[in-house]
Amino acid sequence: MSNLADGHAVPTRAGEKPLTDDELRSLLKQVPNWQIQYSSERSLYFLTRSFEFDSYTKVLSFHTKVGELAEAEQHHPEITTQYGSAKVCWWTHTVGGVHMNDFVLAAKCDVLFEHST
């Protein structure tokens, strides 16, 4: 996909596999501010980024926009909101790790952030 942000989340099915290490490395080049991290608590990898803002009002606005995006795409992240930042984590429960949907939504978050600063 030439521009991840132009894509949409697609339904996943049980049995689908998460992206391979090579696929993850390749796709990370398209969303360079994002990182892959491992959660020992959940036993899976996820895609994460922290977004910095100069006011709590802007953080809350961004949080709401990400929530609206998640509802529209029917793919929901974990969002941690605090003064000055919002941390967004994407993974796909069905595949037990990171799926193309997570990269598409990460790219869409980047676009939201660009328009909110």
PDB file of N, CA and C in Angstrom:
ATOM      1  N   MET A   1       0.859  -1.173   0.000  1.00  0.00           N
ATOM      2  CA  MET A   1       0.000   0.000   0.000  1.00  0.00           C
ATOM      3  C   MET A   1       0.900   1.229   0.000  1.00  0.00           C
ATOM      4  N   SER A   2       0.655   2.129  -0.922  1.00  0.00           N
ATOM      5  CA  SER A   2       1.542   3.272  -1.049  1.00  0.00           C
ATOM      6  C   SER A   2       1.391   4.251   0.106  1.00  0.00           C
ATOM      7  N   ASN A   3       0.189   4.435   0.620  1.00  0.00           N
ATOM      8  CA  ASN A   3      -0.023   5.330   1.743  1.00  0.00           C
ATOM      9  C   ASN A   3      -0.926   4.635   2.754  1.00  0.00           C
ATOM     10  N   LEU A   4      -0.355   4.225   3.852  1.00  0.00           N
ATOM     11  CA  LEU A   4      -1.118   3.493   4.862  1.00  0.00           C
ATOM     12  C   LEU A   4      -2.355   4.253   5.324  1.00  0.00           C
ATOM     13  N   ALA A   5      -2.244   5.557   5.463  1.00  0.00           N
ATOM     14  CA  ALA A   5      -3.359   6.353   5.978  1.00  0.00           C
ATOM     15  C   ALA A   5      -4.571   6.350   5.051  1.00  0.00           C
ATOM     16  N   ASP A   6      -4.394   5.947   3.797  1.00  0.00           N
ATOM     17  CA  ASP A   6      -5.521   5.866   2.866  1.00  0.00           C
ATOM     18  C   ASP A   6      -6.285   4.552   3.010  1.00  0.00           C
ATOM     19  N   GLY A   7      -5.730   3.604   3.753  1.00  0.00           N
ATOM     20  CA  GLY A   7      -6.363   2.302   3.915  1.00  0.00           C
ATOM     21  C   GLY A   7      -7.442   2.312   4.979  1.00  0.00           C
ATOM     22  N   HIS A   8      -8.026   1.157   5.194  1.00  0.00           N
ATOM     23  CA  HIS A   8      -9.050   0.969   6.219  1.00  0.00           C
ATOM     24  C   HIS A   8      -8.818  -0.362   6.906  1.00  0.00           C
ATOM     25  N   ALA A   9      -9.261  -0.445   8.152  1.00  0.00           N
ATOM     26  CA  ALA A   9      -9.181  -1.702   8.882  1.00  0.00           C
ATOM     27  C   ALA A   9     -10.132  -2.701   8.227  1.00  0.00           C
ATOM     28  N   VAL A  10      -9.688  -3.936   8.150  1.00  0.00           N
ATOM     29  CA  VAL A  10     -10.513  -4.995   7.576  1.00  0.00           C
ATOM     30  C   VAL A  10     -10.790  -6.033   8.658  1.00  0.00           C
ATOM     31  N   PRO A  11     -11.942  -6.697   8.586  1.00  0.00           N
ATOM     32  CA  PRO A  11     -12.234  -7.718   9.586  1.00  0.00           C
ATOM     33  C   PRO A  11     -11.170  -8.830   9.561  1.00  0.00           C
ATOM     34  N   THR A  12     -10.812  -9.295  10.736  1.00  0.00           N
ATOM     35  CA  THR A  12      -9.867 -10.402  10.841  1.00  0.00           C
ATOM     36  C   THR A  12     -10.602 -11.629  11.361  1.00  0.00           C
ATOM     37  N   ARG A  13      -9.988 -12.789  11.107  1.00  0.00           N
ATOM     38  CA  ARG A  13     -10.608 -14.045  11.531  1.00  0.00           C
ATOM     39  C   ARG A  13      -9.663 -14.799  12.456  1.00  0.00           C
ATOM     40  N   ALA A  14     -10.229 -15.573  13.338  1.00  0.00           N
ATOM     41  CA  ALA A  14      -9.427 -16.435  14.196  1.00  0.00           C
ATOM     42  C   ALA A  14      -8.532 -17.297  13.312  1.00  0.00           C
ATOM     43  N   GLY A  15      -7.316 -17.483  13.736  1.00  0.00           N
ATOM     44  CA  GLY A  15      -6.376 -18.279  12.961  1.00  0.00           C
ATOM     45  C   GLY A  15      -5.431 -17.464  12.118  1.00  0.00           C
ATOM     46  N   GLU A  16      -5.777 -16.188  11.868  1.00  0.00           N
ATOM     47  CA  GLU A  16      -4.841 -15.325  11.131  1.00  0.00           C
ATOM     48  C   GLU A  16      -3.619 -15.084  12.004  1.00  0.00           C
ATOM     49  N   LYS A  17      -2.494 -14.952  11.370  1.00  0.00           N
ATOM     50  CA  LYS A  17      -1.224 -14.767  12.072  1.00  0.00           C
ATOM     51  C   LYS A  17      -0.854 -13.286  12.139  1.00  0.00           C
ATOM     52  N   PRO A  18      -0.126 -12.895  13.184  1.00  0.00           N
ATOM     53  CA  PRO A  18       0.394 -11.534  13.212  1.00  0.00           C
ATOM     54  C   PRO A  18       1.458 -11.357  12.134  1.00  0.00           C
ATOM     55  N   LEU A  19       1.817 -10.122  11.870  1.00  0.00           N
ATOM     56  CA  LEU A  19       2.853  -9.829  10.888  1.00  0.00           C
ATOM     57  C   LEU A  19       4.192 -10.427  11.324  1.00  0.00           C
ATOM     58  N   THR A  20       4.996 -10.793  10.346  1.00  0.00           N
ATOM     59  CA  THR A  20       6.324 -11.346  10.626  1.00  0.00           C
ATOM     60  C   THR A  20       7.295 -10.215  10.985  1.00  0.00           C
ATOM     61  N   ASP A  21       8.444 -10.561  11.524  1.00  0.00           N
ATOM     62  CA  ASP A  21       9.455  -9.555  11.863  1.00  0.00           C
ATOM     63  C   ASP A  21       9.856  -8.735  10.637  1.00  0.00           C
ATOM     64  N   ASP A  22      10.024  -9.385   9.496  1.00  0.00           N
ATOM     65  CA  ASP A  22      10.389  -8.667   8.270  1.00  0.00           C
ATOM     66  C   ASP A  22       9.290  -7.704   7.850  1.00  0.00           C
ATOM     67  N   GLU A  23       8.045  -8.131   7.941  1.00  0.00           N
ATOM     68  CA  GLU A  23       6.915  -7.257   7.588  1.00  0.00           C
ATOM     69  C   GLU A  23       6.855  -6.067   8.546  1.00  0.00           C
ATOM     70  N   LEU A  24       7.066  -6.328   9.836  1.00  0.00           N
ATOM     71  CA  LEU A  24       7.045  -5.244  10.824  1.00  0.00           C
ATOM     72  C   LEU A  24       8.134  -4.220  10.533  1.00  0.00           C
ATOM     73  N   ARG A  25       9.340  -4.671  10.277  1.00  0.00           N
ATOM     74  CA  ARG A  25      10.453  -3.754   9.985  1.00  0.00           C
ATOM     75  C   ARG A  25      10.156  -2.914   8.741  1.00  0.00           C
ATOM     76  N   SER A  26       9.607  -3.536   7.730  1.00  0.00           N
ATOM     77  CA  SER A  26       9.292  -2.830   6.493  1.00  0.00           C
ATOM     78  C   SER A  26       8.220  -1.765   6.721  1.00  0.00           C
ATOM     79  N   LEU A  27       7.161  -2.127   7.423  1.00  0.00           N
ATOM     80  CA  LEU A  27       6.062  -1.194   7.651  1.00  0.00           C
ATOM     81  C   LEU A  27       6.436  -0.071   8.615  1.00  0.00           C
ATOM     82  N   LEU A  28       7.328  -0.348   9.558  1.00  0.00           N
ATOM     83  CA  LEU A  28       7.761   0.700  10.494  1.00  0.00           C
ATOM     84  C   LEU A  28       8.417   1.870   9.767  1.00  0.00           C
ATOM     85  N   LYS A  29       8.991   1.615   8.609  1.00  0.00           N
ATOM     86  CA  LYS A  29       9.600   2.686   7.826  1.00  0.00           C
ATOM     87  C   LYS A  29       8.557   3.708   7.380  1.00  0.00           C
ATOM     88  N   GLN A  30       7.297   3.267   7.274  1.00  0.00           N
ATOM     89  CA  GLN A  30       6.219   4.161   6.832  1.00  0.00           C
ATOM     90  C   GLN A  30       5.610   4.950   7.986  1.00  0.00           C
ATOM     91  N   VAL A  31       5.851   4.501   9.212  1.00  0.00           N
ATOM     92  CA  VAL A  31       5.378   5.215  10.406  1.00  0.00           C
ATOM     93  C   VAL A  31       6.558   5.310  11.387  1.00  0.00           C
ATOM     94  N   PRO A  32       7.565   6.116  11.036  1.00  0.00           N
ATOM     95  CA  PRO A  32       8.836   6.110  11.765  1.00  0.00           C
ATOM     96  C   PRO A  32       8.776   6.544  13.223  1.00  0.00           C
ATOM     97  N   ASN A  33       7.722   7.208  13.638  1.00  0.00           N
ATOM     98  CA  ASN A  33       7.615   7.635  15.039  1.00  0.00           C
ATOM     99  C   ASN A  33       7.014   6.560  15.946  1.00  0.00           C
ATOM    100  N   TRP A  34       6.623   5.452  15.363  1.00  0.00           N
ATOM    101  CA  TRP A  34       6.014   4.356  16.106  1.00  0.00           C
ATOM    102  C   TRP A  34       7.068   3.302  16.433  1.00  0.00           C
ATOM    103  N   GLN A  35       6.809   2.533  17.483  1.00  0.00           N
ATOM    104  CA  GLN A  35       7.711   1.460  17.904  1.00  0.00           C
ATOM    105  C   GLN A  35       6.919   0.180  18.134  1.00  0.00           C
ATOM    106  N   ILE A  36       7.611  -0.930  17.964  1.00  0.00           N
ATOM    107  CA  ILE A  36       7.048  -2.225  18.343  1.00  0.00           C
ATOM    108  C   ILE A  36       7.552  -2.525  19.751  1.00  0.00           C
ATOM    109  N   GLN A  37       6.645  -2.854  20.647  1.00  0.00           N
ATOM    110  CA  GLN A  37       7.020  -3.245  22.005  1.00  0.00           C
ATOM    111  C   GLN A  37       6.355  -4.570  22.346  1.00  0.00           C
ATOM    112  N   TYR A  38       6.922  -5.222  23.339  1.00  0.00           N
ATOM    113  CA  TYR A  38       6.379  -6.499  23.790  1.00  0.00           C
ATOM    114  C   TYR A  38       5.744  -6.323  25.158  1.00  0.00           C
ATOM    115  N   SER A  39       4.558  -6.887  25.326  1.00  0.00           N
ATOM    116  CA  SER A  39       3.885  -6.890  26.620  1.00  0.00           C
ATOM    117  C   SER A  39       3.972  -8.288  27.210  1.00  0.00           C
ATOM    118  N   SER A  40       4.740  -8.434  28.279  1.00  0.00           N
ATOM    119  CA  SER A  40       4.810  -9.743  28.940  1.00  0.00           C
ATOM    120  C   SER A  40       3.492 -10.044  29.650  1.00  0.00           C
ATOM    121  N   GLU A  41       2.788  -9.001  30.056  1.00  0.00           N
ATOM    122  CA  GLU A  41       1.486  -9.165  30.701  1.00  0.00           C
ATOM    123  C   GLU A  41       0.465  -9.805  29.747  1.00  0.00           C
ATOM    124  N   ARG A  42       0.523  -9.377  28.473  1.00  0.00           N
ATOM    125  CA  ARG A  42      -0.425  -9.885  27.469  1.00  0.00           C
ATOM    126  C   ARG A  42       0.193 -10.954  26.580  1.00  0.00           C
ATOM    127  N   SER A  43       1.505 -11.120  26.668  1.00  0.00           N
ATOM    128  CA  SER A  43       2.249 -12.078  25.837  1.00  0.00           C
ATOM    129  C   SER A  43       2.058 -11.798  24.347  1.00  0.00           C
ATOM    130  N   LEU A  44       2.221 -10.528  23.979  1.00  0.00           N
ATOM    131  CA  LEU A  44       2.106 -10.162  22.576  1.00  0.00           C
ATOM    132  C   LEU A  44       2.852  -8.866  22.290  1.00  0.00           C
ATOM    133  N   TYR A  45       3.107  -8.656  20.996  1.00  0.00           N
ATOM    134  CA  TYR A  45       3.717  -7.412  20.531  1.00  0.00           C
ATOM    135  C   TYR A  45       2.618  -6.420  20.175  1.00  0.00           C
ATOM    136  N   PHE A  46       2.931  -5.123  20.330  1.00  0.00           N
ATOM    137  CA  PHE A  46       1.985  -4.077  19.964  1.00  0.00           C
ATOM    138  C   PHE A  46       2.750  -2.908  19.373  1.00  0.00           C
ATOM    139  N   LEU A  47       2.021  -2.042  18.694  1.00  0.00           N
ATOM    140  CA  LEU A  47       2.561  -0.852  18.041  1.00  0.00           C
ATOM    141  C   LEU A  47       2.211   0.341  18.921  1.00  0.00           C
ATOM    142  N   THR A  48       3.189   1.186  19.237  1.00  0.00           N
ATOM    143  CA  THR A  48       2.930   2.272  20.175  1.00  0.00           C
ATOM    144  C   THR A  48       3.645   3.567  19.794  1.00  0.00           C
ATOM    145  N   ARG A  49       3.027   4.659  20.196  1.00  0.00           N
ATOM    146  CA  ARG A  49       3.620   5.988  20.031  1.00  0.00           C
ATOM    147  C   ARG A  49       3.033   6.924  21.072  1.00  0.00           C
ATOM    148  N   SER A  50       3.869   7.837  21.572  1.00  0.00           N
ATOM    149  CA  SER A  50       3.405   8.915  22.443  1.00  0.00           C
ATOM    150  C   SER A  50       3.335  10.196  21.637  1.00  0.00           C
ATOM    151  N   PHE A  51       2.255  10.919  21.800  1.00  0.00           N
ATOM    152  CA  PHE A  51       2.032  12.193  21.121  1.00  0.00           C
ATOM    153  C   PHE A  51       2.105  13.301  22.164  1.00  0.00           C
ATOM    154  N   GLU A  52       2.913  14.299  21.913  1.00  0.00           N
ATOM    155  CA  GLU A  52       3.125  15.389  22.861  1.00  0.00           C
ATOM    156  C   GLU A  52       2.318  16.625  22.472  1.00  0.00           C
ATOM    157  N   PHE A  53       1.724  17.277  23.487  1.00  0.00           N
ATOM    158  CA  PHE A  53       0.896  18.465  23.287  1.00  0.00           C
ATOM    159  C   PHE A  53       1.267  19.524  24.319  1.00  0.00           C
ATOM    160  N   ASP A  54       0.906  20.773  24.032  1.00  0.00           N
ATOM    161  CA  ASP A  54       1.233  21.843  24.972  1.00  0.00           C
ATOM    162  C   ASP A  54       0.092  22.182  25.924  1.00  0.00           C
ATOM    163  N   SER A  55      -1.011  21.436  25.855  1.00  0.00           N
ATOM    164  CA  SER A  55      -2.092  21.666  26.815  1.00  0.00           C
ATOM    165  C   SER A  55      -2.918  20.392  26.975  1.00  0.00           C
ATOM    166  N   TYR A  56      -3.535  20.286  28.117  1.00  0.00           N
ATOM    167  CA  TYR A  56      -4.380  19.129  28.394  1.00  0.00           C
ATOM    168  C   TYR A  56      -5.607  19.127  27.484  1.00  0.00           C
ATOM    169  N   THR A  57      -6.110  20.305  27.157  1.00  0.00           N
ATOM    170  CA  THR A  57      -7.262  20.415  26.259  1.00  0.00           C
ATOM    171  C   THR A  57      -6.944  19.791  24.901  1.00  0.00           C
ATOM    172  N   LYS A  58      -5.740  20.024  24.388  1.00  0.00           N
ATOM    173  CA  LYS A  58      -5.343  19.443  23.106  1.00  0.00           C
ATOM    174  C   LYS A  58      -5.186  17.926  23.211  1.00  0.00           C
ATOM    175  N   VAL A  59      -4.687  17.464  24.350  1.00  0.00           N
ATOM    176  CA  VAL A  59      -4.574  16.016  24.566  1.00  0.00           C
ATOM    177  C   VAL A  59      -5.963  15.383  24.527  1.00  0.00           C
ATOM    178  N   LEU A  60      -6.903  15.980  25.242  1.00  0.00           N
ATOM    179  CA  LEU A  60      -8.266  15.434  25.278  1.00  0.00           C
ATOM    180  C   LEU A  60      -8.929  15.459  23.907  1.00  0.00           C
ATOM    181  N   SER A  61      -8.701  16.518  23.162  1.00  0.00           N
ATOM    182  CA  SER A  61      -9.266  16.616  21.816  1.00  0.00           C
ATOM    183  C   SER A  61      -8.708  15.501  20.925  1.00  0.00           C
ATOM    184  N   PHE A  62      -7.399  15.294  20.991  1.00  0.00           N
ATOM    185  CA  PHE A  62      -6.763  14.235  20.205  1.00  0.00           C
ATOM    186  C   PHE A  62      -7.301  12.864  20.626  1.00  0.00           C
ATOM    187  N   HIS A  63      -7.414  12.647  21.917  1.00  0.00           N
ATOM    188  CA  HIS A  63      -7.950  11.381  22.436  1.00  0.00           C
ATOM    189  C   HIS A  63      -9.341  11.122  21.853  1.00  0.00           C
ATOM    190  N   THR A  64     -10.175  12.135  21.856  1.00  0.00           N
ATOM    191  CA  THR A  64     -11.526  12.004  21.306  1.00  0.00           C
ATOM    192  C   THR A  64     -11.491  11.681  19.822  1.00  0.00           C
ATOM    193  N   LYS A  65     -10.623  12.350  19.073  1.00  0.00           N
ATOM    194  CA  LYS A  65     -10.521  12.098  17.628  1.00  0.00           C
ATOM    195  C   LYS A  65     -10.034  10.677  17.347  1.00  0.00           C
ATOM    196  N   VAL A  66      -9.095  10.186  18.133  1.00  0.00           N
ATOM    197  CA  VAL A  66      -8.639   8.802  17.963  1.00  0.00           C
ATOM    198  C   VAL A  66      -9.784   7.844  18.283  1.00  0.00           C
ATOM    199  N   GLY A  67     -10.547   8.151  19.321  1.00  0.00           N
ATOM    200  CA  GLY A  67     -11.707   7.319  19.659  1.00  0.00           C
ATOM    201  C   GLY A  67     -12.746   7.298  18.551  1.00  0.00           C
ATOM    202  N   GLU A  68     -13.000   8.430  17.945  1.00  0.00           N
ATOM    203  CA  GLU A  68     -13.952   8.497  16.829  1.00  0.00           C
ATOM    204  C   GLU A  68     -13.433   7.715  15.626  1.00  0.00           C
ATOM    205  N   LEU A  69     -12.144   7.823  15.356  1.00  0.00           N
ATOM    206  CA  LEU A  69     -11.524   7.042  14.286  1.00  0.00           C
ATOM    207  C   LEU A  69     -11.674   5.548  14.565  1.00  0.00           C
ATOM    208  N   ALA A  70     -11.395   5.149  15.785  1.00  0.00           N
ATOM    209  CA  ALA A  70     -11.493   3.736  16.165  1.00  0.00           C
ATOM    210  C   ALA A  70     -12.917   3.209  15.962  1.00  0.00           C
ATOM    211  N   GLU A  71     -13.887   3.994  16.346  1.00  0.00           N
ATOM    212  CA  GLU A  71     -15.283   3.586  16.150  1.00  0.00           C
ATOM    213  C   GLU A  71     -15.617   3.469  14.671  1.00  0.00           C
ATOM    214  N   ALA A  72     -15.181   4.434  13.888  1.00  0.00           N
ATOM    215  CA  ALA A  72     -15.461   4.412  12.444  1.00  0.00           C
ATOM    216  C   ALA A  72     -14.821   3.194  11.777  1.00  0.00           C
ATOM    217  N   GLU A  73     -13.627   2.805  12.232  1.00  0.00           N
ATOM    218  CA  GLU A  73     -12.894   1.687  11.635  1.00  0.00           C
ATOM    219  C   GLU A  73     -13.193   0.358  12.327  1.00  0.00           C
ATOM    220  N   GLN A  74     -13.908   0.418  13.448  1.00  0.00           N
ATOM    221  CA  GLN A  74     -14.200  -0.776  14.250  1.00  0.00           C
ATOM    222  C   GLN A  74     -12.916  -1.529  14.627  1.00  0.00           C
ATOM    223  N   HIS A  75     -11.923  -0.737  15.057  1.00  0.00           N
ATOM    224  CA  HIS A  75     -10.644  -1.271  15.524  1.00  0.00           C
ATOM    225  C   HIS A  75     -10.175  -0.317  16.614  1.00  0.00           C
ATOM    226  N   HIS A  76     -10.015  -0.833  17.835  1.00  0.00           N
ATOM    227  CA  HIS A  76      -9.882   0.047  18.994  1.00  0.00           C
ATOM    228  C   HIS A  76      -8.531  -0.100  19.693  1.00  0.00           C
ATOM    229  N   PRO A  77      -7.877   1.027  20.002  1.00  0.00           N
ATOM    230  CA  PRO A  77      -6.577   1.015  20.665  1.00  0.00           C
ATOM    231  C   PRO A  77      -6.712   1.135  22.181  1.00  0.00           C
ATOM    232  N   GLU A  78      -5.589   1.019  22.814  1.00  0.00           N
ATOM    233  CA  GLU A  78      -5.466   1.432  24.207  1.00  0.00           C
ATOM    234  C   GLU A  78      -4.874   2.838  24.161  1.00  0.00           C
ATOM    235  N   ILE A  79      -5.509   3.770  24.870  1.00  0.00           N
ATOM    236  CA  ILE A  79      -5.028   5.151  24.894  1.00  0.00           C
ATOM    237  C   ILE A  79      -4.807   5.545  26.348  1.00  0.00           C
ATOM    238  N   THR A  80      -3.622   6.037  26.642  1.00  0.00           N
ATOM    239  CA  THR A  80      -3.307   6.546  27.972  1.00  0.00           C
ATOM    240  C   THR A  80      -3.146   8.052  27.845  1.00  0.00           C
ATOM    241  N   THR A  81      -3.972   8.785  28.569  1.00  0.00           N
ATOM    242  CA  THR A  81      -3.987  10.237  28.481  1.00  0.00           C
ATOM    243  C   THR A  81      -3.482  10.827  29.787  1.00  0.00           C
ATOM    244  N   GLN A  82      -2.578  11.784  29.669  1.00  0.00           N
ATOM    245  CA  GLN A  82      -2.108  12.531  30.834  1.00  0.00           C
ATOM    246  C   GLN A  82      -1.782  13.940  30.382  1.00  0.00           C
ATOM    247  N   TYR A  83      -1.478  14.813  31.325  1.00  0.00           N
ATOM    248  CA  TYR A  83      -1.173  16.181  30.939  1.00  0.00           C
ATOM    249  C   TYR A  83       0.014  16.180  29.984  1.00  0.00           C
ATOM    250  N   GLY A  84      -0.171  16.780  28.816  1.00  0.00           N
ATOM    251  CA  GLY A  84       0.917  16.951  27.868  1.00  0.00           C
ATOM    252  C   GLY A  84       1.131  15.819  26.885  1.00  0.00           C
ATOM    253  N   SER A  85       0.470  14.674  27.070  1.00  0.00           N
ATOM    254  CA  SER A  85       0.706  13.579  26.119  1.00  0.00           C
ATOM    255  C   SER A  85      -0.435  12.566  26.112  1.00  0.00           C
ATOM    256  N   ALA A  86      -0.482  11.858  25.001  1.00  0.00           N
ATOM    257  CA  ALA A  86      -1.391  10.722  24.844  1.00  0.00           C
ATOM    258  C   ALA A  86      -0.562   9.589  24.243  1.00  0.00           C
ATOM    259  N   LYS A  87      -0.613   8.433  24.857  1.00  0.00           N
ATOM    260  CA  LYS A  87       0.097   7.262  24.340  1.00  0.00           C
ATOM    261  C   LYS A  87      -0.945   6.334  23.724  1.00  0.00           C
ATOM    262  N   VAL A  88      -0.716   5.968  22.461  1.00  0.00           N
ATOM    263  CA  VAL A  88      -1.649   5.100  21.737  1.00  0.00           C
ATOM    264  C   VAL A  88      -0.956   3.772  21.454  1.00  0.00           C
ATOM    265  N   CYS A  89      -1.653   2.683  21.741  1.00  0.00           N
ATOM    266  CA  CYS A  89      -1.130   1.331  21.498  1.00  0.00           C
ATOM    267  C   CYS A  89      -2.137   0.563  20.646  1.00  0.00           C
ATOM    268  N   TRP A  90      -1.649   0.019  19.545  1.00  0.00           N
ATOM    269  CA  TRP A  90      -2.482  -0.765  18.632  1.00  0.00           C
ATOM    270  C   TRP A  90      -1.998  -2.206  18.599  1.00  0.00           C
ATOM    271  N   TRP A  91      -2.911  -3.142  18.621  1.00  0.00           N
ATOM    272  CA  TRP A  91      -2.666  -4.549  18.339  1.00  0.00           C
ATOM    273  C   TRP A  91      -4.002  -5.161  17.986  1.00  0.00           C
ATOM    274  N   THR A  92      -3.956  -6.329  17.424  1.00  0.00           N
ATOM    275  CA  THR A  92      -5.191  -6.983  16.981  1.00  0.00           C
ATOM    276  C   THR A  92      -5.404  -8.238  17.818  1.00  0.00           C
ATOM    277  N   HIS A  93      -6.456  -8.212  18.618  1.00  0.00           N
ATOM    278  CA  HIS A  93      -6.751  -9.332  19.522  1.00  0.00           C
ATOM    279  C   HIS A  93      -6.874 -10.649  18.767  1.00  0.00           C
ATOM    280  N   THR A  94      -7.560 -10.624  17.635  1.00  0.00           N
ATOM    281  CA  THR A  94      -7.834 -11.848  16.881  1.00  0.00           C
ATOM    282  C   THR A  94      -6.568 -12.576  16.459  1.00  0.00           C
ATOM    283  N   VAL A  95      -5.528 -11.807  16.099  1.00  0.00           N
ATOM    284  CA  VAL A  95      -4.283 -12.442  15.638  1.00  0.00           C
ATOM    285  C   VAL A  95      -3.254 -12.568  16.757  1.00  0.00           C
ATOM    286  N   GLY A  96      -3.523 -11.958  17.895  1.00  0.00           N
ATOM    287  CA  GLY A  96      -2.597 -12.049  19.015  1.00  0.00           C
ATOM    288  C   GLY A  96      -1.311 -11.281  18.796  1.00  0.00           C
ATOM    289  N   GLY A  97      -1.421 -10.133  18.145  1.00  0.00           N
ATOM    290  CA  GLY A  97      -0.235  -9.312  17.891  1.00  0.00           C
ATOM    291  C   GLY A  97      -0.545  -8.206  16.904  1.00  0.00           C
ATOM    292  N   VAL A  98       0.456  -7.803  16.162  1.00  0.00           N
ATOM    293  CA  VAL A  98       0.322  -6.671  15.239  1.00  0.00           C
ATOM    294  C   VAL A  98      -0.087  -7.165  13.853  1.00  0.00           C
ATOM    295  N   HIS A  99      -1.092  -6.510  13.310  1.00  0.00           N
ATOM    296  CA  HIS A  99      -1.688  -6.818  12.003  1.00  0.00           C
ATOM    297  C   HIS A  99      -1.584  -5.558  11.138  1.00  0.00           C
ATOM    298  N   MET A 100      -1.789  -5.690   9.863  1.00  0.00           N
ATOM    299  CA  MET A 100      -1.790  -4.531   8.956  1.00  0.00           C
ATOM    300  C   MET A 100      -2.769  -3.458   9.435  1.00  0.00           C
ATOM    301  N   ASN A 101      -3.905  -3.853   9.988  1.00  0.00           N
ATOM    302  CA  ASN A 101      -4.875  -2.886  10.508  1.00  0.00           C
ATOM    303  C   ASN A 101      -4.221  -1.916  11.488  1.00  0.00           C
ATOM    304  N   ASP A 102      -3.317  -2.425  12.306  1.00  0.00           N
ATOM    305  CA  ASP A 102      -2.676  -1.585  13.316  1.00  0.00           C
ATOM    306  C   ASP A 102      -1.796  -0.526  12.674  1.00  0.00           C
ATOM    307  N   PHE A 103      -1.116  -0.871  11.598  1.00  0.00           N
ATOM    308  CA  PHE A 103      -0.301   0.103  10.883  1.00  0.00           C
ATOM    309  C   PHE A 103      -1.172   1.128  10.176  1.00  0.00           C
ATOM    310  N   VAL A 104      -2.273   0.703   9.605  1.00  0.00           N
ATOM    311  CA  VAL A 104      -3.192   1.635   8.941  1.00  0.00           C
ATOM    312  C   VAL A 104      -3.709   2.660   9.954  1.00  0.00           C
ATOM    313  N   LEU A 105      -4.126   2.179  11.124  1.00  0.00           N
ATOM    314  CA  LEU A 105      -4.667   3.089  12.130  1.00  0.00           C
ATOM    315  C   LEU A 105      -3.571   3.950  12.754  1.00  0.00           C
ATOM    316  N   ALA A 106      -2.361   3.425  12.872  1.00  0.00           N
ATOM    317  CA  ALA A 106      -1.240   4.237  13.357  1.00  0.00           C
ATOM    318  C   ALA A 106      -0.991   5.396  12.390  1.00  0.00           C
ATOM    319  N   ALA A 107      -0.984   5.112  11.106  1.00  0.00           N
ATOM    320  CA  ALA A 107      -0.782   6.166  10.103  1.00  0.00           C
ATOM    321  C   ALA A 107      -1.904   7.202  10.169  1.00  0.00           C
ATOM    322  N   LYS A 108      -3.127   6.744  10.383  1.00  0.00           N
ATOM    323  CA  LYS A 108      -4.252   7.671  10.510  1.00  0.00           C
ATOM    324  C   LYS A 108      -4.102   8.539  11.762  1.00  0.00           C
ATOM    325  N   CYS A 109      -3.563   7.973  12.850  1.00  0.00           N
ATOM    326  CA  CYS A 109      -3.293   8.760  14.051  1.00  0.00           C
ATOM    327  C   CYS A 109      -2.267   9.846  13.765  1.00  0.00           C
ATOM    328  N   ASP A 110      -1.245   9.513  12.987  1.00  0.00           N
ATOM    329  CA  ASP A 110      -0.247  10.514  12.609  1.00  0.00           C
ATOM    330  C   ASP A 110      -0.889  11.675  11.876  1.00  0.00           C
ATOM    331  N   VAL A 111      -1.816  11.387  10.986  1.00  0.00           N
ATOM    332  CA  VAL A 111      -2.521  12.442  10.248  1.00  0.00           C
ATOM    333  C   VAL A 111      -3.351  13.294  11.209  1.00  0.00           C
ATOM    334  N   LEU A 112      -4.060  12.650  12.129  1.00  0.00           N
ATOM    335  CA  LEU A 112      -4.835  13.397  13.125  1.00  0.00           C
ATOM    336  C   LEU A 112      -3.933  14.333  13.930  1.00  0.00           C
ATOM    337  N   PHE A 113      -2.771  13.822  14.327  1.00  0.00           N
ATOM    338  CA  PHE A 113      -1.824  14.616  15.105  1.00  0.00           C
ATOM    339  C   PHE A 113      -1.321  15.812  14.299  1.00  0.00           C
ATOM    340  N   GLU A 114      -0.986  15.585  13.037  1.00  0.00           N
ATOM    341  CA  GLU A 114      -0.517  16.683  12.181  1.00  0.00           C
ATOM    342  C   GLU A 114      -1.550  17.795  12.079  1.00  0.00           C
ATOM    343  N   HIS A 115      -2.824  17.417  12.085  1.00  0.00           N
ATOM    344  CA  HIS A 115      -3.889  18.418  11.968  1.00  0.00           C
ATOM    345  C   HIS A 115      -4.288  19.032  13.305  1.00  0.00           C
ATOM    346  N   SER A 116      -3.749  18.506  14.395  1.00  0.00           N
ATOM    347  CA  SER A 116      -4.139  19.017  15.713  1.00  0.00           C
ATOM    348  C   SER A 116      -3.067  19.894  16.350  1.00  0.00           C
ATOM    349  N   THR A 117      -1.921  20.007  15.706  1.00  0.00           N
ATOM    350  CA  THR A 117      -0.838  20.812  16.315  1.00  0.00           C
ATOM    351  C   THR A 117      -0.640  22.117  15.581  1.00  0.00           C
TER     352      THR A 117
END
